[in-house]
């Protein structure tokens, strides 16, 4: 008999009984029917999450890369799982997103950038002694001594 692999092995079952003839089977008894797979791959499929319609062989790629309502994980590693259509909004506030410092060009997570921005050695600030000069943060101590 021919079954969808996903259906016949649901739940990581390693053995069971055939739903048609009730004979026992083991996972090693299963094999792929190339001809059937080719036919199935050329049939039309519909995404259960959105209005996408295409070849069955393209459905997995659609769900992984372009379906706006399929679930995806934050690419920055924060662990948040969301619908793909919320990803851009999430990236605006994700504390694990990498940002470039405008002063030193170093790369920091958004979380790290908060403190780095205050003490970046390349950041130019006005002299705390109010002499009117602009000095790199890293050079303030030397400047104040002068």
N, C-alpha and C. Protein backbone atom coordinates (compact mmCIF):
# COMPACT_ATOMS: atom_id res chain seq x y z
N UNK A 1 0.83 -1.18 0.00
CA UNK A 1 0.00 0.00 0.00
C UNK A 1 0.88 1.25 0.00
N UNK A 2 0.30 2.35 -0.45
CA UNK A 2 1.05 3.60 -0.55
C UNK A 2 0.44 4.62 0.42
N UNK A 3 1.33 5.23 1.22
CA UNK A 3 0.91 6.24 2.19
C UNK A 3 1.88 7.41 2.17
N UNK A 4 1.40 8.53 2.62
CA UNK A 4 2.25 9.69 2.82
C UNK A 4 3.19 9.37 3.99
N UNK A 5 4.48 9.63 3.82
CA UNK A 5 5.46 9.34 4.87
C UNK A 5 5.09 10.04 6.18
N UNK A 6 4.67 11.29 6.07
CA UNK A 6 4.32 12.06 7.25
C UNK A 6 3.16 11.40 8.01
N UNK A 7 2.19 10.88 7.29
CA UNK A 7 1.03 10.27 7.92
C UNK A 7 1.36 8.92 8.55
N UNK A 8 2.11 8.11 7.85
CA UNK A 8 2.37 6.75 8.33
C UNK A 8 3.37 6.73 9.49
N UNK A 9 4.21 7.75 9.59
CA UNK A 9 5.21 7.80 10.67
C UNK A 9 4.92 8.90 11.67
N UNK A 10 3.69 9.36 11.72
CA UNK A 10 3.31 10.45 12.64
C UNK A 10 3.71 10.09 14.06
N UNK A 11 4.27 11.08 14.75
CA UNK A 11 4.66 10.86 16.14
C UNK A 11 5.91 10.03 16.31
N UNK A 12 6.77 9.95 15.28
CA UNK A 12 8.01 9.18 15.34
C UNK A 12 7.78 7.70 15.67
N UNK A 13 6.68 7.15 15.20
CA UNK A 13 6.38 5.74 15.42
C UNK A 13 7.37 4.91 14.62
N UNK A 14 7.92 3.87 15.24
CA UNK A 14 8.90 3.03 14.55
C UNK A 14 8.28 1.74 14.04
N UNK A 15 7.08 1.44 14.46
CA UNK A 15 6.37 0.27 13.94
C UNK A 15 4.88 0.48 14.17
N UNK A 16 4.08 -0.39 13.55
CA UNK A 16 2.63 -0.26 13.70
C UNK A 16 1.92 -1.23 12.80
N UNK A 17 0.65 -1.01 12.60
CA UNK A 17 -0.16 -1.86 11.74
C UNK A 17 -0.66 -1.04 10.56
N UNK A 18 -0.68 -1.66 9.41
CA UNK A 18 -1.17 -1.01 8.20
C UNK A 18 -2.63 -0.64 8.39
N UNK A 19 -3.01 0.61 8.10
CA UNK A 19 -4.40 1.02 8.27
C UNK A 19 -5.35 0.34 7.29
N UNK A 20 -4.83 -0.32 6.24
CA UNK A 20 -5.70 -0.97 5.27
C UNK A 20 -5.86 -2.47 5.57
N UNK A 21 -4.71 -3.18 5.70
CA UNK A 21 -4.80 -4.63 5.88
C UNK A 21 -4.45 -5.10 7.28
N UNK A 22 -4.06 -4.18 8.15
CA UNK A 22 -3.74 -4.45 9.54
C UNK A 22 -2.48 -5.30 9.76
N UNK A 23 -1.68 -5.53 8.71
CA UNK A 23 -0.42 -6.25 8.89
C UNK A 23 0.58 -5.35 9.62
N UNK A 24 1.43 -5.98 10.44
CA UNK A 24 2.43 -5.22 11.18
C UNK A 24 3.53 -4.76 10.25
N UNK A 25 4.05 -3.55 10.49
CA UNK A 25 5.18 -3.04 9.71
C UNK A 25 6.20 -2.43 10.65
N UNK A 26 7.43 -2.36 10.17
CA UNK A 26 8.51 -1.71 10.92
C UNK A 26 9.05 -0.59 10.04
N UNK A 27 9.66 0.39 10.66
CA UNK A 27 10.16 1.55 9.93
C UNK A 27 11.10 1.14 8.79
N UNK A 28 11.94 0.13 9.03
CA UNK A 28 12.89 -0.31 7.99
C UNK A 28 12.18 -0.99 6.81
N UNK A 29 10.90 -1.36 6.96
CA UNK A 29 10.15 -1.95 5.85
C UNK A 29 9.65 -0.88 4.87
N UNK A 30 9.62 0.36 5.31
CA UNK A 30 9.10 1.45 4.47
C UNK A 30 10.14 1.87 3.44
N UNK A 31 9.68 2.20 2.25
CA UNK A 31 10.57 2.72 1.22
C UNK A 31 9.79 3.72 0.36
N UNK A 32 10.54 4.62 -0.23
CA UNK A 32 9.93 5.68 -1.03
C UNK A 32 9.58 5.16 -2.42
N UNK A 33 8.40 5.52 -2.88
CA UNK A 33 7.95 5.21 -4.23
C UNK A 33 8.26 6.44 -5.10
N UNK A 34 9.36 6.38 -5.85
CA UNK A 34 9.81 7.52 -6.64
C UNK A 34 8.72 8.00 -7.60
N UNK A 35 8.06 7.07 -8.25
CA UNK A 35 7.03 7.46 -9.23
C UNK A 35 5.89 8.21 -8.56
N UNK A 36 5.48 7.74 -7.39
CA UNK A 36 4.39 8.39 -6.66
C UNK A 36 4.84 9.79 -6.19
N UNK A 37 6.08 9.87 -5.69
CA UNK A 37 6.61 11.16 -5.24
C UNK A 37 6.63 12.17 -6.38
N UNK A 38 7.02 11.74 -7.57
CA UNK A 38 7.04 12.65 -8.72
C UNK A 38 5.65 13.16 -9.07
N UNK A 39 4.67 12.28 -8.99
CA UNK A 39 3.28 12.67 -9.28
C UNK A 39 2.79 13.67 -8.22
N UNK A 40 3.03 13.35 -6.95
CA UNK A 40 2.58 14.23 -5.86
C UNK A 40 3.25 15.59 -5.97
N UNK A 41 4.55 15.61 -6.25
CA UNK A 41 5.29 16.88 -6.33
C UNK A 41 4.76 17.79 -7.43
N UNK A 42 4.14 17.24 -8.44
CA UNK A 42 3.62 18.05 -9.55
C UNK A 42 2.15 18.45 -9.37
N UNK A 43 1.54 18.03 -8.25
CA UNK A 43 0.15 18.41 -8.01
C UNK A 43 0.11 19.81 -7.40
N UNK A 44 -1.05 20.43 -7.49
CA UNK A 44 -1.24 21.77 -6.94
C UNK A 44 -1.49 21.67 -5.45
N UNK A 45 -0.85 22.55 -4.71
CA UNK A 45 -1.02 22.61 -3.26
C UNK A 45 -1.45 24.01 -2.87
N UNK A 46 -2.14 24.10 -1.75
CA UNK A 46 -2.55 25.39 -1.21
C UNK A 46 -1.99 25.51 0.20
N UNK A 47 -1.50 26.68 0.51
CA UNK A 47 -0.98 26.94 1.85
C UNK A 47 -2.16 27.09 2.80
N UNK A 48 -2.09 26.43 3.94
CA UNK A 48 -3.18 26.52 4.91
C UNK A 48 -3.11 27.82 5.71
N UNK A 49 -2.03 28.58 5.56
CA UNK A 49 -1.87 29.83 6.30
C UNK A 49 -2.25 31.08 5.51
N UNK A 50 -2.13 31.00 4.18
CA UNK A 50 -2.36 32.19 3.36
C UNK A 50 -2.98 31.78 2.02
N UNK A 51 -2.99 32.67 1.06
CA UNK A 51 -3.62 32.40 -0.23
C UNK A 51 -2.67 31.79 -1.27
N UNK A 52 -1.44 31.44 -0.88
CA UNK A 52 -0.46 30.89 -1.82
C UNK A 52 -0.98 29.59 -2.41
N UNK A 53 -0.73 29.43 -3.70
CA UNK A 53 -1.07 28.21 -4.43
C UNK A 53 0.08 27.93 -5.37
N UNK A 54 0.52 26.69 -5.42
CA UNK A 54 1.63 26.32 -6.29
C UNK A 54 1.85 24.83 -6.28
N UNK A 55 3.00 24.40 -6.81
CA UNK A 55 3.30 22.97 -6.83
C UNK A 55 3.62 22.48 -5.42
N UNK A 56 3.20 21.25 -5.13
CA UNK A 56 3.44 20.66 -3.81
C UNK A 56 4.93 20.68 -3.47
N UNK A 57 5.78 20.45 -4.47
CA UNK A 57 7.22 20.43 -4.21
C UNK A 57 7.75 21.80 -3.76
N UNK A 58 6.99 22.86 -3.97
CA UNK A 58 7.40 24.21 -3.57
C UNK A 58 6.80 24.65 -2.24
N UNK A 59 5.88 23.86 -1.71
CA UNK A 59 5.17 24.25 -0.49
C UNK A 59 6.11 24.43 0.70
N UNK A 60 7.03 23.50 0.91
CA UNK A 60 7.95 23.58 2.05
C UNK A 60 8.79 24.86 1.96
N UNK A 61 9.31 25.16 0.79
CA UNK A 61 10.09 26.38 0.60
C UNK A 61 9.25 27.63 0.88
N UNK A 62 8.01 27.62 0.41
CA UNK A 62 7.10 28.74 0.66
C UNK A 62 6.93 28.94 2.17
N UNK A 63 6.69 27.88 2.91
CA UNK A 63 6.47 27.99 4.34
C UNK A 63 7.72 28.47 5.07
N UNK A 64 8.90 28.04 4.62
CA UNK A 64 10.15 28.41 5.28
C UNK A 64 10.62 29.83 4.95
N UNK A 65 10.27 30.33 3.75
CA UNK A 65 10.88 31.59 3.32
C UNK A 65 9.93 32.74 3.01
N UNK A 66 8.70 32.48 2.64
CA UNK A 66 7.89 33.60 2.17
C UNK A 66 6.46 33.69 2.69
N UNK A 67 5.96 32.67 3.38
CA UNK A 67 4.59 32.74 3.89
C UNK A 67 4.54 33.73 5.05
N UNK A 68 3.81 34.80 4.89
CA UNK A 68 3.76 35.85 5.91
C UNK A 68 3.19 35.38 7.24
N UNK A 69 2.35 34.37 7.23
CA UNK A 69 1.72 33.95 8.47
C UNK A 69 2.31 32.67 9.05
N UNK A 70 3.33 32.10 8.42
CA UNK A 70 3.97 30.93 9.02
C UNK A 70 4.91 31.41 10.13
N UNK A 71 5.16 30.53 11.08
CA UNK A 71 6.00 30.89 12.21
C UNK A 71 7.47 30.87 11.84
N UNK A 72 8.21 31.82 12.38
CA UNK A 72 9.65 31.90 12.16
C UNK A 72 10.31 32.37 13.45
N UNK A 73 11.57 32.02 13.61
CA UNK A 73 12.33 32.46 14.78
C UNK A 73 13.11 33.72 14.45
N UNK A 74 13.34 34.51 15.45
CA UNK A 74 14.15 35.72 15.26
C UNK A 74 15.53 35.33 14.75
N UNK A 75 15.98 35.91 13.64
CA UNK A 75 17.28 35.56 13.07
C UNK A 75 18.46 36.07 13.90
N UNK A 76 18.18 36.87 14.93
CA UNK A 76 19.26 37.43 15.75
C UNK A 76 19.52 36.63 17.01
N UNK A 77 18.74 35.56 17.22
CA UNK A 77 19.01 34.65 18.32
C UNK A 77 18.38 34.99 19.66
N UNK A 78 17.38 35.84 19.68
CA UNK A 78 16.76 36.18 20.96
C UNK A 78 15.78 35.11 21.44
N UNK A 79 15.40 34.20 20.54
CA UNK A 79 14.50 33.12 20.91
C UNK A 79 13.03 33.40 20.65
N UNK A 80 12.69 34.58 20.22
CA UNK A 80 11.30 34.93 19.95
C UNK A 80 10.82 34.23 18.69
N UNK A 81 9.63 33.64 18.77
CA UNK A 81 8.99 33.00 17.62
C UNK A 81 7.75 33.82 17.29
N UNK A 82 7.60 34.15 16.01
CA UNK A 82 6.49 35.01 15.60
C UNK A 82 6.09 34.68 14.17
N UNK A 83 4.96 35.21 13.74
CA UNK A 83 4.60 35.11 12.34
C UNK A 83 5.58 35.96 11.54
N UNK A 84 5.94 35.48 10.35
CA UNK A 84 6.93 36.17 9.53
C UNK A 84 6.55 37.64 9.28
N UNK A 85 5.26 37.95 9.17
CA UNK A 85 4.86 39.33 8.88
C UNK A 85 5.13 40.28 10.06
N UNK A 86 5.49 39.77 11.24
CA UNK A 86 5.85 40.61 12.38
C UNK A 86 7.36 40.77 12.53
N UNK A 87 8.13 40.10 11.68
CA UNK A 87 9.59 40.09 11.81
C UNK A 87 10.21 41.48 11.69
N UNK A 88 9.81 42.27 10.69
CA UNK A 88 10.38 43.61 10.52
C UNK A 88 10.13 44.49 11.74
N UNK A 89 8.93 44.42 12.28
CA UNK A 89 8.61 45.21 13.48
C UNK A 89 9.44 44.74 14.67
N UNK A 90 9.59 43.42 14.81
CA UNK A 90 10.39 42.86 15.91
C UNK A 90 11.85 43.31 15.80
N UNK A 91 12.38 43.34 14.59
CA UNK A 91 13.79 43.71 14.40
C UNK A 91 14.10 45.13 14.87
N UNK A 92 13.10 45.99 14.89
CA UNK A 92 13.32 47.37 15.34
C UNK A 92 13.66 47.41 16.84
N UNK A 93 13.18 46.43 17.59
CA UNK A 93 13.38 46.45 19.03
C UNK A 93 14.16 45.25 19.56
N UNK A 94 14.54 44.33 18.71
CA UNK A 94 15.26 43.12 19.18
C UNK A 94 16.59 43.53 19.79
N UNK A 95 16.80 43.16 21.03
CA UNK A 95 18.02 43.56 21.74
C UNK A 95 19.24 42.75 21.29
N UNK A 96 19.03 41.72 20.46
CA UNK A 96 20.14 40.91 19.97
C UNK A 96 20.58 41.28 18.56
N UNK A 97 19.86 42.22 17.94
CA UNK A 97 20.20 42.65 16.58
C UNK A 97 21.54 43.38 16.59
N UNK A 98 22.39 43.09 15.62
CA UNK A 98 23.70 43.73 15.52
C UNK A 98 23.57 45.12 14.90
N UNK A 99 24.21 46.09 15.53
CA UNK A 99 24.21 47.46 15.03
C UNK A 99 25.65 47.94 14.91
N UNK A 100 25.91 48.85 13.98
CA UNK A 100 27.23 49.45 13.83
C UNK A 100 27.27 50.77 14.58
N UNK A 101 28.30 50.94 15.40
CA UNK A 101 28.48 52.21 16.10
C UNK A 101 28.85 53.28 15.08
N UNK A 102 28.18 54.41 15.13
CA UNK A 102 28.46 55.49 14.17
C UNK A 102 29.80 56.18 14.43
N UNK A 103 30.36 55.95 15.61
CA UNK A 103 31.62 56.60 15.97
C UNK A 103 32.83 55.72 15.65
N UNK A 104 32.83 54.48 16.15
CA UNK A 104 34.01 53.61 15.99
C UNK A 104 33.81 52.51 14.96
N UNK A 105 32.61 52.41 14.41
CA UNK A 105 32.25 51.39 13.40
C UNK A 105 32.28 49.97 13.97
N UNK A 106 32.39 49.84 15.29
CA UNK A 106 32.33 48.52 15.93
C UNK A 106 30.93 47.96 15.84
N UNK A 107 30.81 46.64 15.97
CA UNK A 107 29.52 45.98 15.89
C UNK A 107 29.08 45.54 17.28
N UNK A 108 27.87 45.90 17.66
CA UNK A 108 27.34 45.60 18.98
C UNK A 108 25.88 45.20 18.86
N UNK A 109 25.42 44.37 19.81
CA UNK A 109 23.98 44.08 19.83
C UNK A 109 23.28 45.36 20.28
N UNK A 110 22.02 45.44 19.99
CA UNK A 110 21.25 46.62 20.39
C UNK A 110 21.33 46.77 21.91
N UNK A 111 21.34 45.65 22.61
CA UNK A 111 21.45 45.65 24.07
C UNK A 111 22.79 46.25 24.52
N UNK A 112 23.89 45.87 23.87
CA UNK A 112 25.22 46.38 24.21
C UNK A 112 25.40 47.84 23.79
N UNK A 113 24.73 48.20 22.70
CA UNK A 113 24.90 49.55 22.14
C UNK A 113 24.47 50.64 23.11
N UNK A 114 23.51 50.34 23.96
CA UNK A 114 23.01 51.34 24.90
C UNK A 114 24.16 51.86 25.77
N UNK A 115 24.95 50.96 26.36
CA UNK A 115 26.07 51.42 27.19
C UNK A 115 27.28 51.84 26.35
N UNK A 116 27.49 51.17 25.22
CA UNK A 116 28.64 51.52 24.38
C UNK A 116 28.52 52.96 23.87
N UNK A 117 27.34 53.35 23.50
CA UNK A 117 27.11 54.71 22.95
C UNK A 117 27.56 55.78 23.94
N UNK A 118 27.40 55.51 25.22
CA UNK A 118 27.78 56.49 26.25
C UNK A 118 29.30 56.61 26.35
N UNK A 119 30.00 55.47 26.27
CA UNK A 119 31.44 55.45 26.53
C UNK A 119 32.31 55.11 25.31
N UNK A 120 31.78 55.22 24.13
CA UNK A 120 32.57 54.89 22.93
C UNK A 120 33.82 55.76 22.89
N UNK A 121 35.01 55.14 22.81
CA UNK A 121 36.25 55.91 22.83
C UNK A 121 36.40 56.87 21.64
N UNK A 122 35.71 56.60 20.54
CA UNK A 122 35.81 57.46 19.35
C UNK A 122 34.76 58.56 19.30
N UNK A 123 33.82 58.53 20.25
CA UNK A 123 32.75 59.53 20.26
C UNK A 123 33.35 60.90 20.57
N UNK A 124 32.97 61.88 19.79
CA UNK A 124 33.47 63.24 19.99
C UNK A 124 32.45 64.01 20.82
N UNK A 125 32.95 64.62 21.91
CA UNK A 125 32.07 65.40 22.79
C UNK A 125 32.70 66.77 23.06
N UNK A 126 31.90 67.67 23.58
CA UNK A 126 32.39 68.99 23.96
C UNK A 126 33.23 68.84 25.23
N UNK A 127 34.25 69.63 25.36
CA UNK A 127 35.13 69.60 26.54
C UNK A 127 34.30 69.85 27.80
N UNK A 128 34.44 68.95 28.80
CA UNK A 128 33.68 69.15 30.04
C UNK A 128 34.11 70.40 30.82
N UNK A 129 35.31 70.92 30.50
CA UNK A 129 35.80 72.14 31.14
C UNK A 129 35.30 73.40 30.42
N UNK A 130 34.53 73.20 29.35
CA UNK A 130 33.91 74.26 28.57
C UNK A 130 34.93 75.19 27.88
N UNK A 131 36.01 74.56 27.38
CA UNK A 131 37.01 75.36 26.66
C UNK A 131 36.60 75.59 25.20
N UNK A 132 35.54 74.90 24.78
CA UNK A 132 35.04 75.09 23.42
C UNK A 132 35.56 74.06 22.43
N UNK A 133 36.49 73.22 22.83
CA UNK A 133 37.03 72.22 21.92
C UNK A 133 36.17 70.95 21.94
N UNK A 134 36.19 70.25 20.80
CA UNK A 134 35.53 68.94 20.69
C UNK A 134 36.62 67.88 20.76
N UNK A 135 36.45 66.90 21.65
CA UNK A 135 37.49 65.91 21.92
C UNK A 135 36.89 64.51 21.88
N UNK A 136 37.69 63.53 21.41
CA UNK A 136 37.26 62.13 21.47
C UNK A 136 37.14 61.75 22.95
N UNK A 137 36.15 60.96 23.25
CA UNK A 137 35.90 60.53 24.63
C UNK A 137 37.16 59.93 25.24
N UNK A 138 37.90 59.16 24.47
CA UNK A 138 39.10 58.48 24.94
C UNK A 138 40.22 59.47 25.30
N UNK A 139 40.17 60.70 24.77
CA UNK A 139 41.23 61.69 25.00
C UNK A 139 40.87 62.73 26.06
N UNK A 140 39.71 62.61 26.70
CA UNK A 140 39.26 63.62 27.63
C UNK A 140 40.23 63.77 28.81
N UNK A 141 40.65 62.68 29.43
CA UNK A 141 41.53 62.76 30.60
C UNK A 141 42.80 63.53 30.28
N UNK A 142 43.41 63.23 29.14
CA UNK A 142 44.64 63.91 28.72
C UNK A 142 44.38 65.40 28.46
N UNK A 143 43.25 65.69 27.81
CA UNK A 143 42.90 67.08 27.48
C UNK A 143 42.67 67.91 28.75
N UNK A 144 41.99 67.33 29.73
CA UNK A 144 41.66 68.05 30.96
C UNK A 144 42.95 68.37 31.74
N UNK A 145 43.96 67.45 31.67
CA UNK A 145 45.24 67.67 32.36
C UNK A 145 45.99 68.87 31.76
N UNK A 146 45.81 69.10 30.48
CA UNK A 146 46.57 70.16 29.78
C UNK A 146 46.14 71.50 30.17
